[in-house]
PDB file of all heavy atoms in Angstrom:
ATOM      1  N   SER A   1       4.791  -1.789  -5.428  1.00  0.00           N
ATOM      2  CA  SER A   1       6.181  -1.798  -5.862  1.00  0.00           C
ATOM      3  C   SER A   1       7.073  -2.340  -4.757  1.00  0.00           C
ATOM      4  O   SER A   1       6.661  -2.428  -3.595  1.00  0.00           O
ATOM      5  CB  SER A   1       6.639  -0.394  -6.276  1.00  0.00           C
ATOM      6  OG  SER A   1       6.570   0.500  -5.176  1.00  0.00           O
ATOM      7  N   ARG A   2       8.304  -2.698  -5.124  1.00  0.00           N
ATOM      8  CA  ARG A   2       9.248  -3.248  -4.152  1.00  0.00           C
ATOM      9  C   ARG A   2      10.623  -2.641  -4.368  1.00  0.00           C
ATOM     10  O   ARG A   2      11.108  -2.533  -5.497  1.00  0.00           O
ATOM     11  CB  ARG A   2       9.300  -4.774  -4.280  1.00  0.00           C
ATOM     12  CG  ARG A   2      10.367  -5.451  -3.434  1.00  0.00           C
ATOM     13  CD  ARG A   2      10.107  -6.931  -3.280  1.00  0.00           C
ATOM     14  NE  ARG A   2       9.903  -7.606  -4.543  1.00  0.00           N
ATOM     15  CZ  ARG A   2       9.390  -8.825  -4.662  1.00  0.00           C
ATOM     16  NH1 ARG A   2       9.020  -9.495  -3.574  1.00  0.00           N
ATOM     17  NH2 ARG A   2       9.229  -9.370  -5.857  1.00  0.00           N
ATOM     18  N   ASP A   3      11.261  -2.247  -3.281  1.00  0.00           N
ATOM     19  CA  ASP A   3      12.620  -1.747  -3.304  1.00  0.00           C
ATOM     20  C   ASP A   3      13.488  -2.817  -2.642  1.00  0.00           C
ATOM     21  O   ASP A   3      13.557  -2.891  -1.418  1.00  0.00           O
ATOM     22  CB  ASP A   3      12.731  -0.420  -2.564  1.00  0.00           C
ATOM     23  CG  ASP A   3      14.106   0.198  -2.681  1.00  0.00           C
ATOM     24  OD1 ASP A   3      15.077  -0.519  -2.975  1.00  0.00           O
ATOM     25  OD2 ASP A   3      14.220   1.425  -2.481  1.00  0.00           O
ATOM     26  N   ASN A   4      14.138  -3.637  -3.448  1.00  0.00           N
ATOM     27  CA  ASN A   4      14.915  -4.746  -2.910  1.00  0.00           C
ATOM     28  C   ASN A   4      16.135  -4.282  -2.111  1.00  0.00           C
ATOM     29  O   ASN A   4      16.571  -4.972  -1.189  1.00  0.00           O
ATOM     30  CB  ASN A   4      15.356  -5.676  -4.035  1.00  0.00           C
ATOM     31  CG  ASN A   4      14.202  -6.468  -4.613  1.00  0.00           C
ATOM     32  OD1 ASN A   4      13.217  -6.742  -3.930  1.00  0.00           O
ATOM     33  ND2 ASN A   4      14.316  -6.847  -5.874  1.00  0.00           N
ATOM     34  N   ALA A   5      16.690  -3.130  -2.466  1.00  0.00           N
ATOM     35  CA  ALA A   5      17.835  -2.602  -1.740  1.00  0.00           C
ATOM     36  C   ALA A   5      17.467  -2.272  -0.301  1.00  0.00           C
ATOM     37  O   ALA A   5      18.307  -2.360   0.596  1.00  0.00           O
ATOM     38  CB  ALA A   5      18.389  -1.370  -2.443  1.00  0.00           C
ATOM     39  N   LYS A   6      16.210  -1.892  -0.080  1.00  0.00           N
ATOM     40  CA  LYS A   6      15.736  -1.547   1.257  1.00  0.00           C
ATOM     41  C   LYS A   6      14.882  -2.640   1.880  1.00  0.00           C
ATOM     42  O   LYS A   6      14.401  -2.479   3.003  1.00  0.00           O
ATOM     43  CB  LYS A   6      14.931  -0.248   1.214  1.00  0.00           C
ATOM     44  CG  LYS A   6      15.722   0.965   0.773  1.00  0.00           C
ATOM     45  CD  LYS A   6      14.848   2.206   0.784  1.00  0.00           C
ATOM     46  CE  LYS A   6      15.638   3.436   0.387  1.00  0.00           C
ATOM     47  NZ  LYS A   6      14.790   4.659   0.385  1.00  0.00           N
ATOM     48  N   ASN A   7      14.680  -3.734   1.155  1.00  0.00           N
ATOM     49  CA  ASN A   7      13.819  -4.828   1.627  1.00  0.00           C
ATOM     50  C   ASN A   7      12.443  -4.306   2.047  1.00  0.00           C
ATOM     51  O   ASN A   7      11.917  -4.669   3.101  1.00  0.00           O
ATOM     52  CB  ASN A   7      14.472  -5.570   2.792  1.00  0.00           C
ATOM     53  CG  ASN A   7      15.613  -6.458   2.351  1.00  0.00           C
ATOM     54  OD1 ASN A   7      15.850  -6.656   1.158  1.00  0.00           O
ATOM     55  ND2 ASN A   7      16.337  -7.009   3.315  1.00  0.00           N
ATOM     56  N   THR A   8      11.864  -3.464   1.205  1.00  0.00           N
ATOM     57  CA  THR A   8      10.616  -2.805   1.550  1.00  0.00           C
ATOM     58  C   THR A   8       9.599  -2.901   0.418  1.00  0.00           C
ATOM     59  O   THR A   8       9.935  -2.685  -0.749  1.00  0.00           O
ATOM     60  CB  THR A   8      10.850  -1.332   1.894  1.00  0.00           C
ATOM     61  OG1 THR A   8      11.765  -1.247   2.998  1.00  0.00           O
ATOM     62  CG2 THR A   8       9.555  -0.647   2.286  1.00  0.00           C
ATOM     63  N   LEU A   9       8.368  -3.202   0.775  1.00  0.00           N
ATOM     64  CA  LEU A   9       7.248  -3.262  -0.143  1.00  0.00           C
ATOM     65  C   LEU A   9       6.391  -2.019   0.053  1.00  0.00           C
ATOM     66  O   LEU A   9       6.160  -1.588   1.186  1.00  0.00           O
ATOM     67  CB  LEU A   9       6.423  -4.514   0.135  1.00  0.00           C
ATOM     68  CG  LEU A   9       5.249  -4.830  -0.783  1.00  0.00           C
ATOM     69  CD1 LEU A   9       5.758  -5.296  -2.147  1.00  0.00           C
ATOM     70  CD2 LEU A   9       4.358  -5.895  -0.152  1.00  0.00           C
ATOM     71  N   TYR A  10       5.896  -1.431  -1.043  1.00  0.00           N
ATOM     72  CA  TYR A  10       5.087  -0.219  -0.970  1.00  0.00           C
ATOM     73  C   TYR A  10       3.732  -0.433  -1.629  1.00  0.00           C
ATOM     74  O   TYR A  10       3.601  -1.163  -2.613  1.00  0.00           O
ATOM     75  CB  TYR A  10       5.785   0.945  -1.667  1.00  0.00           C
ATOM     76  CG  TYR A  10       7.124   1.308  -1.075  1.00  0.00           C
ATOM     77  CD1 TYR A  10       8.299   0.814  -1.626  1.00  0.00           C
ATOM     78  CD2 TYR A  10       7.210   2.139   0.037  1.00  0.00           C
ATOM     79  CE1 TYR A  10       9.528   1.142  -1.087  1.00  0.00           C
ATOM     80  CE2 TYR A  10       8.432   2.472   0.583  1.00  0.00           C
ATOM     81  CZ  TYR A  10       9.591   1.972   0.017  1.00  0.00           C
ATOM     82  OH  TYR A  10      10.812   2.302   0.558  1.00  0.00           O
ATOM     83  N   LEU A  11       2.728   0.234  -1.081  1.00  0.00           N
ATOM     84  CA  LEU A  11       1.407   0.255  -1.689  1.00  0.00           C
ATOM     85  C   LEU A  11       0.947   1.699  -1.750  1.00  0.00           C
ATOM     86  O   LEU A  11       0.614   2.293  -0.724  1.00  0.00           O
ATOM     87  CB  LEU A  11       0.409  -0.591  -0.900  1.00  0.00           C
ATOM     88  CG  LEU A  11      -0.992  -0.680  -1.509  1.00  0.00           C
ATOM     89  CD1 LEU A  11      -0.941  -1.442  -2.842  1.00  0.00           C
ATOM     90  CD2 LEU A  11      -1.969  -1.362  -0.555  1.00  0.00           C
ATOM     91  N   GLN A  12       0.951   2.267  -2.961  1.00  0.00           N
ATOM     92  CA  GLN A  12       0.461   3.616  -3.176  1.00  0.00           C
ATOM     93  C   GLN A  12      -1.031   3.535  -3.474  1.00  0.00           C
ATOM     94  O   GLN A  12      -1.434   2.873  -4.431  1.00  0.00           O
ATOM     95  CB  GLN A  12       1.197   4.283  -4.336  1.00  0.00           C
ATOM     96  CG  GLN A  12       0.709   5.685  -4.660  1.00  0.00           C
ATOM     97  CD  GLN A  12       1.005   6.671  -3.555  1.00  0.00           C
ATOM     98  OE1 GLN A  12       2.102   6.694  -3.021  1.00  0.00           O
ATOM     99  NE2 GLN A  12       0.010   7.481  -3.199  1.00  0.00           N
ATOM    100  N   MET A  13      -1.840   4.209  -2.672  1.00  0.00           N
ATOM    101  CA  MET A  13      -3.287   4.151  -2.799  1.00  0.00           C
ATOM    102  C   MET A  13      -3.814   5.535  -3.143  1.00  0.00           C
ATOM    103  O   MET A  13      -3.691   6.471  -2.347  1.00  0.00           O
ATOM    104  CB  MET A  13      -3.920   3.643  -1.507  1.00  0.00           C
ATOM    105  CG  MET A  13      -3.387   2.285  -1.062  1.00  0.00           C
ATOM    106  SD  MET A  13      -4.220   1.646   0.430  1.00  0.00           S
ATOM    107  CE  MET A  13      -3.637   2.831   1.642  1.00  0.00           C
ATOM    108  N   ASN A  14      -4.396   5.665  -4.325  1.00  0.00           N
ATOM    109  CA  ASN A  14      -4.961   6.919  -4.790  1.00  0.00           C
ATOM    110  C   ASN A  14      -6.467   6.790  -4.959  1.00  0.00           C
ATOM    111  O   ASN A  14      -7.004   5.691  -5.043  1.00  0.00           O
ATOM    112  CB  ASN A  14      -4.327   7.333  -6.122  1.00  0.00           C
ATOM    113  CG  ASN A  14      -2.841   7.567  -6.029  1.00  0.00           C
ATOM    114  OD1 ASN A  14      -2.336   8.047  -5.011  1.00  0.00           O
ATOM    115  ND2 ASN A  14      -2.122   7.239  -7.093  1.00  0.00           N
ATOM    116  N   SER A  15      -7.132   7.936  -5.036  1.00  0.00           N
ATOM    117  CA  SER A  15      -8.584   7.977  -5.219  1.00  0.00           C
ATOM    118  C   SER A  15      -9.299   7.055  -4.237  1.00  0.00           C
ATOM    119  O   SER A  15     -10.190   6.283  -4.610  1.00  0.00           O
ATOM    120  CB  SER A  15      -8.944   7.601  -6.664  1.00  0.00           C
ATOM    121  OG  SER A  15      -8.334   8.476  -7.589  1.00  0.00           O
ATOM    122  N   LEU A  16      -8.915   7.142  -2.983  1.00  0.00           N
ATOM    123  CA  LEU A  16      -9.475   6.262  -1.967  1.00  0.00           C
ATOM    124  C   LEU A  16     -10.968   6.503  -1.764  1.00  0.00           C
ATOM    125  O   LEU A  16     -11.445   7.639  -1.835  1.00  0.00           O
ATOM    126  CB  LEU A  16      -8.739   6.452  -0.649  1.00  0.00           C
ATOM    127  CG  LEU A  16      -7.347   5.806  -0.605  1.00  0.00           C
ATOM    128  CD1 LEU A  16      -6.530   6.376   0.538  1.00  0.00           C
ATOM    129  CD2 LEU A  16      -7.477   4.291  -0.462  1.00  0.00           C
ATOM    130  N   GLN A  17     -11.679   5.423  -1.506  1.00  0.00           N
ATOM    131  CA  GLN A  17     -13.116   5.448  -1.283  1.00  0.00           C
ATOM    132  C   GLN A  17     -13.436   4.813   0.062  1.00  0.00           C
ATOM    133  O   GLN A  17     -12.635   4.046   0.592  1.00  0.00           O
ATOM    134  CB  GLN A  17     -13.839   4.713  -2.406  1.00  0.00           C
ATOM    135  CG  GLN A  17     -13.581   5.263  -3.793  1.00  0.00           C
ATOM    136  CD  GLN A  17     -14.053   6.695  -3.932  1.00  0.00           C
ATOM    137  OE1 GLN A  17     -15.159   7.037  -3.500  1.00  0.00           O
ATOM    138  NE2 GLN A  17     -13.226   7.535  -4.534  1.00  0.00           N
ATOM    139  N   PRO A  18     -14.600   5.106   0.641  1.00  0.00           N
ATOM    140  CA  PRO A  18     -14.962   4.529   1.937  1.00  0.00           C
ATOM    141  C   PRO A  18     -14.870   3.008   1.975  1.00  0.00           C
ATOM    142  O   PRO A  18     -14.521   2.448   3.021  1.00  0.00           O
ATOM    143  CB  PRO A  18     -16.402   5.012   2.141  1.00  0.00           C
ATOM    144  CG  PRO A  18     -16.455   6.314   1.415  1.00  0.00           C
ATOM    145  CD  PRO A  18     -15.606   6.101   0.191  1.00  0.00           C
ATOM    146  N   GLU A  19     -15.163   2.343   0.881  1.00  0.00           N
ATOM    147  CA  GLU A  19     -15.090   0.890   0.853  1.00  0.00           C
ATOM    148  C   GLU A  19     -13.662   0.357   0.938  1.00  0.00           C
ATOM    149  O   GLU A  19     -13.458  -0.849   1.096  1.00  0.00           O
ATOM    150  CB  GLU A  19     -15.777   0.325  -0.403  1.00  0.00           C
ATOM    151  CG  GLU A  19     -15.261   0.915  -1.705  1.00  0.00           C
ATOM    152  CD  GLU A  19     -16.115   2.063  -2.206  1.00  0.00           C
ATOM    153  OE1 GLU A  19     -16.651   2.815  -1.376  1.00  0.00           O
ATOM    154  OE2 GLU A  19     -16.256   2.207  -3.431  1.00  0.00           O
ATOM    155  N   ASP A  20     -12.666   1.233   0.845  1.00  0.00           N
ATOM    156  CA  ASP A  20     -11.273   0.835   1.021  1.00  0.00           C
ATOM    157  C   ASP A  20     -10.882   0.765   2.494  1.00  0.00           C
ATOM    158  O   ASP A  20      -9.779   0.327   2.814  1.00  0.00           O
ATOM    159  CB  ASP A  20     -10.333   1.804   0.304  1.00  0.00           C
ATOM    160  CG  ASP A  20     -10.525   1.792  -1.204  1.00  0.00           C
ATOM    161  OD1 ASP A  20     -10.642   0.691  -1.783  1.00  0.00           O
ATOM    162  OD2 ASP A  20     -10.538   2.880  -1.806  1.00  0.00           O
ATOM    163  N   THR A  21     -11.748   1.194   3.366  1.00  0.00           N
ATOM    164  CA  THR A  21     -11.476   1.203   4.801  1.00  0.00           C
ATOM    165  C   THR A  21     -11.268  -0.212   5.330  1.00  0.00           C
ATOM    166  O   THR A  21     -11.995  -1.137   4.963  1.00  0.00           O
ATOM    167  CB  THR A  21     -12.629   1.869   5.559  1.00  0.00           C
ATOM    168  OG1 THR A  21     -12.678   3.256   5.221  1.00  0.00           O
ATOM    169  CG2 THR A  21     -12.448   1.738   7.064  1.00  0.00           C
ATOM    170  N   GLY A  22     -10.271  -0.385   6.189  1.00  0.00           N
ATOM    171  CA  GLY A  22     -10.027  -1.674   6.806  1.00  0.00           C
ATOM    172  C   GLY A  22      -8.615  -1.792   7.340  1.00  0.00           C
ATOM    173  O   GLY A  22      -7.818  -0.856   7.260  1.00  0.00           O
ATOM    174  N   MET A  23      -8.325  -2.954   7.898  1.00  0.00           N
ATOM    175  CA  MET A  23      -6.969  -3.279   8.317  1.00  0.00           C
ATOM    176  C   MET A  23      -6.210  -3.836   7.120  1.00  0.00           C
ATOM    177  O   MET A  23      -6.691  -4.751   6.447  1.00  0.00           O
ATOM    178  CB  MET A  23      -6.990  -4.298   9.447  1.00  0.00           C
ATOM    179  CG  MET A  23      -7.446  -3.755  10.786  1.00  0.00           C
ATOM    180  SD  MET A  23      -6.247  -2.614  11.526  1.00  0.00           S
ATOM    181  CE  MET A  23      -4.875  -3.711  11.847  1.00  0.00           C
ATOM    182  N   TYR A  24      -5.042  -3.290   6.868  1.00  0.00           N
ATOM    183  CA  TYR A  24      -4.212  -3.730   5.755  1.00  0.00           C
ATOM    184  C   TYR A  24      -3.027  -4.530   6.276  1.00  0.00           C
ATOM    185  O   TYR A  24      -2.337  -4.108   7.206  1.00  0.00           O
ATOM    186  CB  TYR A  24      -3.731  -2.530   4.950  1.00  0.00           C
ATOM    187  CG  TYR A  24      -4.790  -1.986   4.019  1.00  0.00           C
ATOM    188  CD1 TYR A  24      -5.921  -1.359   4.520  1.00  0.00           C
ATOM    189  CD2 TYR A  24      -4.661  -2.114   2.636  1.00  0.00           C
ATOM    190  CE1 TYR A  24      -6.909  -0.878   3.673  1.00  0.00           C
ATOM    191  CE2 TYR A  24      -5.640  -1.628   1.780  1.00  0.00           C
ATOM    192  CZ  TYR A  24      -6.755  -1.015   2.302  1.00  0.00           C
ATOM    193  OH  TYR A  24      -7.731  -0.530   1.457  1.00  0.00           O
ATOM    194  N   TYR A  25      -2.792  -5.684   5.655  1.00  0.00           N
ATOM    195  CA  TYR A  25      -1.741  -6.600   6.080  1.00  0.00           C
ATOM    196  C   TYR A  25      -0.776  -6.900   4.949  1.00  0.00           C
ATOM    197  O   TYR A  25      -1.187  -7.136   3.815  1.00  0.00           O
ATOM    198  CB  TYR A  25      -2.339  -7.931   6.549  1.00  0.00           C
ATOM    199  CG  TYR A  25      -3.266  -7.831   7.725  1.00  0.00           C
ATOM    200  CD1 TYR A  25      -4.627  -7.592   7.538  1.00  0.00           C
ATOM    201  CD2 TYR A  25      -2.794  -7.994   9.018  1.00  0.00           C
ATOM    202  CE1 TYR A  25      -5.484  -7.504   8.613  1.00  0.00           C
ATOM    203  CE2 TYR A  25      -3.647  -7.914  10.103  1.00  0.00           C
ATOM    204  CZ  TYR A  25      -4.996  -7.673   9.893  1.00  0.00           C
ATOM    205  OH  TYR A  25      -5.848  -7.598  10.965  1.00  0.00           O
TER     206      TYR A  25
END
């Protein structure tokens, strides 16, 4: 999602698994 008023991008991550491990950019 994106909040344009705050110029901010969000990534909500649920049900995380070991294969989700890494550097996020």
